[in-house]
Amino acid sequence: MERKYFFSSVSALAIECSTVSYQHALDLARELRGRGFIYVDSPVTGLPDAAAAGKLTLLVGAEPADLEKARPYLVPLSTTIRHFGAVGSGTVLATIVRAPSDTATSEPPPRST
């Protein structure tokens, strides 16, 4: 079944707060723009207590004007909103930020003999 989407003259916002791949962010942005959405990638950093208290740090990738449209929805979640550039840049930064903790908890590589 084909889905039909109807929007007013004001674009709807789609804000992705997960850490997804860079390519996924670009693909999703392209698809959603084609359907009339404004897409913002905004991975978060912070522990569950920070999330509950609205004290996350947001790593945002979006056009500046799109970030301003999304800001009223982002502010209640966070104490810090960092804009790193176009769509996908928030995701890239989140991947870099998390890399040390991902490697610290992974299995060490096998030793060569």
C-alpha atoms as a PDB file:
ATOM      1  CA  MET A   1       0.000   0.000   0.000  1.00  0.00           C
ATOM      2  CA  GLU A   2       1.430   3.370  -0.979  1.00  0.00           C
ATOM      3  CA  ARG A   3       1.423   5.941   1.785  1.00  0.00           C
ATOM      4  CA  LYS A   4       0.411   9.498   1.087  1.00  0.00           C
ATOM      5  CA  TYR A   5       1.736  12.354   3.183  1.00  0.00           C
ATOM      6  CA  PHE A   6       0.075  15.721   3.423  1.00  0.00           C
ATOM      7  CA  PHE A   7       1.683  18.756   4.985  1.00  0.00           C
ATOM      8  CA  SER A   8       0.789  22.363   5.456  1.00  0.00           C
ATOM      9  CA  SER A   9       2.960  25.089   3.985  1.00  0.00           C
ATOM     10  CA  VAL A  10       5.080  24.853   7.128  1.00  0.00           C
ATOM     11  CA  SER A  11       7.528  21.955   6.833  1.00  0.00           C
ATOM     12  CA  ALA A  12       7.268  19.205   9.410  1.00  0.00           C
ATOM     13  CA  LEU A  13      10.346  18.395  11.477  1.00  0.00           C
ATOM     14  CA  ALA A  14      12.015  15.012  11.760  1.00  0.00           C
ATOM     15  CA  ILE A  15      14.652  14.968  14.494  1.00  0.00           C
ATOM     16  CA  GLU A  16      16.822  11.841  14.776  1.00  0.00           C
ATOM     17  CA  CYS A  17      18.379  11.514  18.237  1.00  0.00           C
ATOM     18  CA  SER A  18      19.949   8.102  17.690  1.00  0.00           C
ATOM     19  CA  THR A  19      23.492   7.550  16.563  1.00  0.00           C
ATOM     20  CA  VAL A  20      23.061   6.166  13.062  1.00  0.00           C
ATOM     21  CA  SER A  21      25.595   5.799  10.290  1.00  0.00           C
ATOM     22  CA  TYR A  22      26.584   8.851   8.301  1.00  0.00           C
ATOM     23  CA  GLN A  23      25.161   7.330   5.121  1.00  0.00           C
ATOM     24  CA  HIS A  24      21.884   6.501   6.867  1.00  0.00           C
ATOM     25  CA  ALA A  25      21.560  10.118   8.013  1.00  0.00           C
ATOM     26  CA  LEU A  26      22.145  11.360   4.454  1.00  0.00           C
ATOM     27  CA  ASP A  27      19.726   8.842   2.945  1.00  0.00           C
ATOM     28  CA  LEU A  28      17.040   9.595   5.510  1.00  0.00           C
ATOM     29  CA  ALA A  29      17.468  13.343   5.031  1.00  0.00           C
ATOM     30  CA  ARG A  30      17.102  12.988   1.260  1.00  0.00           C
ATOM     31  CA  GLU A  31      14.021  10.778   1.566  1.00  0.00           C
ATOM     32  CA  LEU A  32      12.334  12.978   4.126  1.00  0.00           C
ATOM     33  CA  ARG A  33      13.091  16.209   2.279  1.00  0.00           C
ATOM     34  CA  GLY A  34      11.369  14.670  -0.714  1.00  0.00           C
ATOM     35  CA  ARG A  35       8.297  14.257   1.461  1.00  0.00           C
ATOM     36  CA  GLY A  36       8.340  17.805   2.814  1.00  0.00           C
ATOM     37  CA  PHE A  37      10.165  17.248   6.093  1.00  0.00           C
ATOM     38  CA  ILE A  38      13.027  19.175   7.605  1.00  0.00           C
ATOM     39  CA  TYR A  39      15.552  16.595   8.876  1.00  0.00           C
ATOM     40  CA  VAL A  40      17.961  17.221  11.747  1.00  0.00           C
ATOM     41  CA  ASP A  41      20.420  14.642  13.033  1.00  0.00           C
ATOM     42  CA  SER A  42      20.955  15.187  16.736  1.00  0.00           C
ATOM     43  CA  PRO A  43      22.622  12.309  18.574  1.00  0.00           C
ATOM     44  CA  VAL A  44      22.797  12.815  22.315  1.00  0.00           C
ATOM     45  CA  THR A  45      25.445  12.330  24.961  1.00  0.00           C
ATOM     46  CA  GLY A  46      24.604  11.853  28.589  1.00  0.00           C
ATOM     47  CA  LEU A  47      23.417   9.209  31.001  1.00  0.00           C
ATOM     48  CA  PRO A  48      19.767   8.294  31.681  1.00  0.00           C
ATOM     49  CA  ASP A  49      19.646  10.630  34.707  1.00  0.00           C
ATOM     50  CA  ALA A  50      20.755  13.519  32.487  1.00  0.00           C
ATOM     51  CA  ALA A  51      18.056  12.622  29.973  1.00  0.00           C
ATOM     52  CA  ALA A  52      15.380  12.602  32.667  1.00  0.00           C
ATOM     53  CA  ALA A  53      16.574  15.990  33.916  1.00  0.00           C
ATOM     54  CA  GLY A  54      16.805  17.546  30.435  1.00  0.00           C
ATOM     55  CA  LYS A  55      20.578  17.892  30.732  1.00  0.00           C
ATOM     56  CA  LEU A  56      21.810  16.067  27.640  1.00  0.00           C
ATOM     57  CA  THR A  57      24.352  17.408  25.180  1.00  0.00           C
ATOM     58  CA  LEU A  58      23.074  17.389  21.598  1.00  0.00           C
ATOM     59  CA  LEU A  59      25.473  16.978  18.665  1.00  0.00           C
ATOM     60  CA  VAL A  60      23.540  18.536  15.789  1.00  0.00           C
ATOM     61  CA  GLY A  61      23.917  18.252  12.045  1.00  0.00           C
ATOM     62  CA  ALA A  62      21.553  20.536  10.119  1.00  0.00           C
ATOM     63  CA  GLU A  63      21.344  23.656   8.044  1.00  0.00           C
ATOM     64  CA  PRO A  64      21.429  26.680  10.400  1.00  0.00           C
ATOM     65  CA  ALA A  65      17.875  27.721   9.535  1.00  0.00           C
ATOM     66  CA  ASP A  66      16.632  24.162  10.137  1.00  0.00           C
ATOM     67  CA  LEU A  67      18.364  24.057  13.513  1.00  0.00           C
ATOM     68  CA  GLU A  68      16.564  27.250  14.508  1.00  0.00           C
ATOM     69  CA  LYS A  69      13.220  25.673  13.584  1.00  0.00           C
ATOM     70  CA  ALA A  70      14.100  22.589  15.644  1.00  0.00           C
ATOM     71  CA  ARG A  71      15.559  24.485  18.615  1.00  0.00           C
ATOM     72  CA  PRO A  72      12.262  24.808  20.559  1.00  0.00           C
ATOM     73  CA  TYR A  73      12.027  21.006  20.585  1.00  0.00           C
ATOM     74  CA  LEU A  74      15.692  20.454  21.428  1.00  0.00           C
ATOM     75  CA  VAL A  75      16.039  22.937  24.312  1.00  0.00           C
ATOM     76  CA  PRO A  76      13.891  20.940  26.798  1.00  0.00           C
ATOM     77  CA  LEU A  77      16.159  17.922  26.289  1.00  0.00           C
ATOM     78  CA  SER A  78      19.471  19.606  26.821  1.00  0.00           C
ATOM     79  CA  THR A  79      21.736  22.071  28.511  1.00  0.00           C
ATOM     80  CA  THR A  80      24.102  22.137  25.529  1.00  0.00           C
ATOM     81  CA  ILE A  81      23.338  22.189  21.809  1.00  0.00           C
ATOM     82  CA  ARG A  82      26.436  21.933  19.600  1.00  0.00           C
ATOM     83  CA  HIS A  83      25.970  22.550  15.885  1.00  0.00           C
ATOM     84  CA  PHE A  84      28.683  20.906  13.787  1.00  0.00           C
ATOM     85  CA  GLY A  85      27.476  21.640  10.259  1.00  0.00           C
ATOM     86  CA  ALA A  86      25.266  20.039   7.644  1.00  0.00           C
ATOM     87  CA  VAL A  87      23.127  16.928   8.113  1.00  0.00           C
ATOM     88  CA  GLY A  88      25.319  13.967   9.038  1.00  0.00           C
ATOM     89  CA  SER A  89      27.930  15.953  10.954  1.00  0.00           C
ATOM     90  CA  GLY A  90      26.218  15.357  14.311  1.00  0.00           C
ATOM     91  CA  THR A  91      26.299  11.632  13.626  1.00  0.00           C
ATOM     92  CA  VAL A  92      29.978  11.747  12.661  1.00  0.00           C
ATOM     93  CA  LEU A  93      30.856  13.580  15.879  1.00  0.00           C
ATOM     94  CA  ALA A  94      28.837  11.147  17.991  1.00  0.00           C
ATOM     95  CA  THR A  95      30.709   8.241  16.411  1.00  0.00           C
ATOM     96  CA  ILE A  96      34.053   9.888  17.191  1.00  0.00           C
ATOM     97  CA  VAL A  97      33.047  10.761  20.758  1.00  0.00           C
ATOM     98  CA  ARG A  98      31.918   7.208  21.448  1.00  0.00           C
ATOM     99  CA  ALA A  99      34.884   5.467  19.784  1.00  0.00           C
ATOM    100  CA  PRO A 100      37.166   5.440  22.859  1.00  0.00           C
ATOM    101  CA  SER A 101      34.455   3.927  25.070  1.00  0.00           C
ATOM    102  CA  ASP A 102      33.521   1.386  22.395  1.00  0.00           C
ATOM    103  CA  THR A 103      37.120   0.191  22.106  1.00  0.00           C
ATOM    104  CA  ALA A 104      37.639   0.217  25.874  1.00  0.00           C
ATOM    105  CA  THR A 105      34.815  -2.265  26.369  1.00  0.00           C
ATOM    106  CA  SER A 106      35.548  -4.515  23.412  1.00  0.00           C
ATOM    107  CA  GLU A 107      37.586  -7.683  23.412  1.00  0.00           C
ATOM    108  CA  PRO A 108      41.303  -7.172  22.872  1.00  0.00           C
ATOM    109  CA  PRO A 109      42.580  -8.291  19.470  1.00  0.00           C
ATOM    110  CA  PRO A 110      44.134 -11.754  19.368  1.00  0.00           C
ATOM    111  CA  ARG A 111      47.900 -11.848  19.828  1.00  0.00           C
ATOM    112  CA  SER A 112      49.958 -12.929  16.886  1.00  0.00           C
ATOM    113  CA  THR A 113      52.501 -15.642  17.586  1.00  0.00           C
END
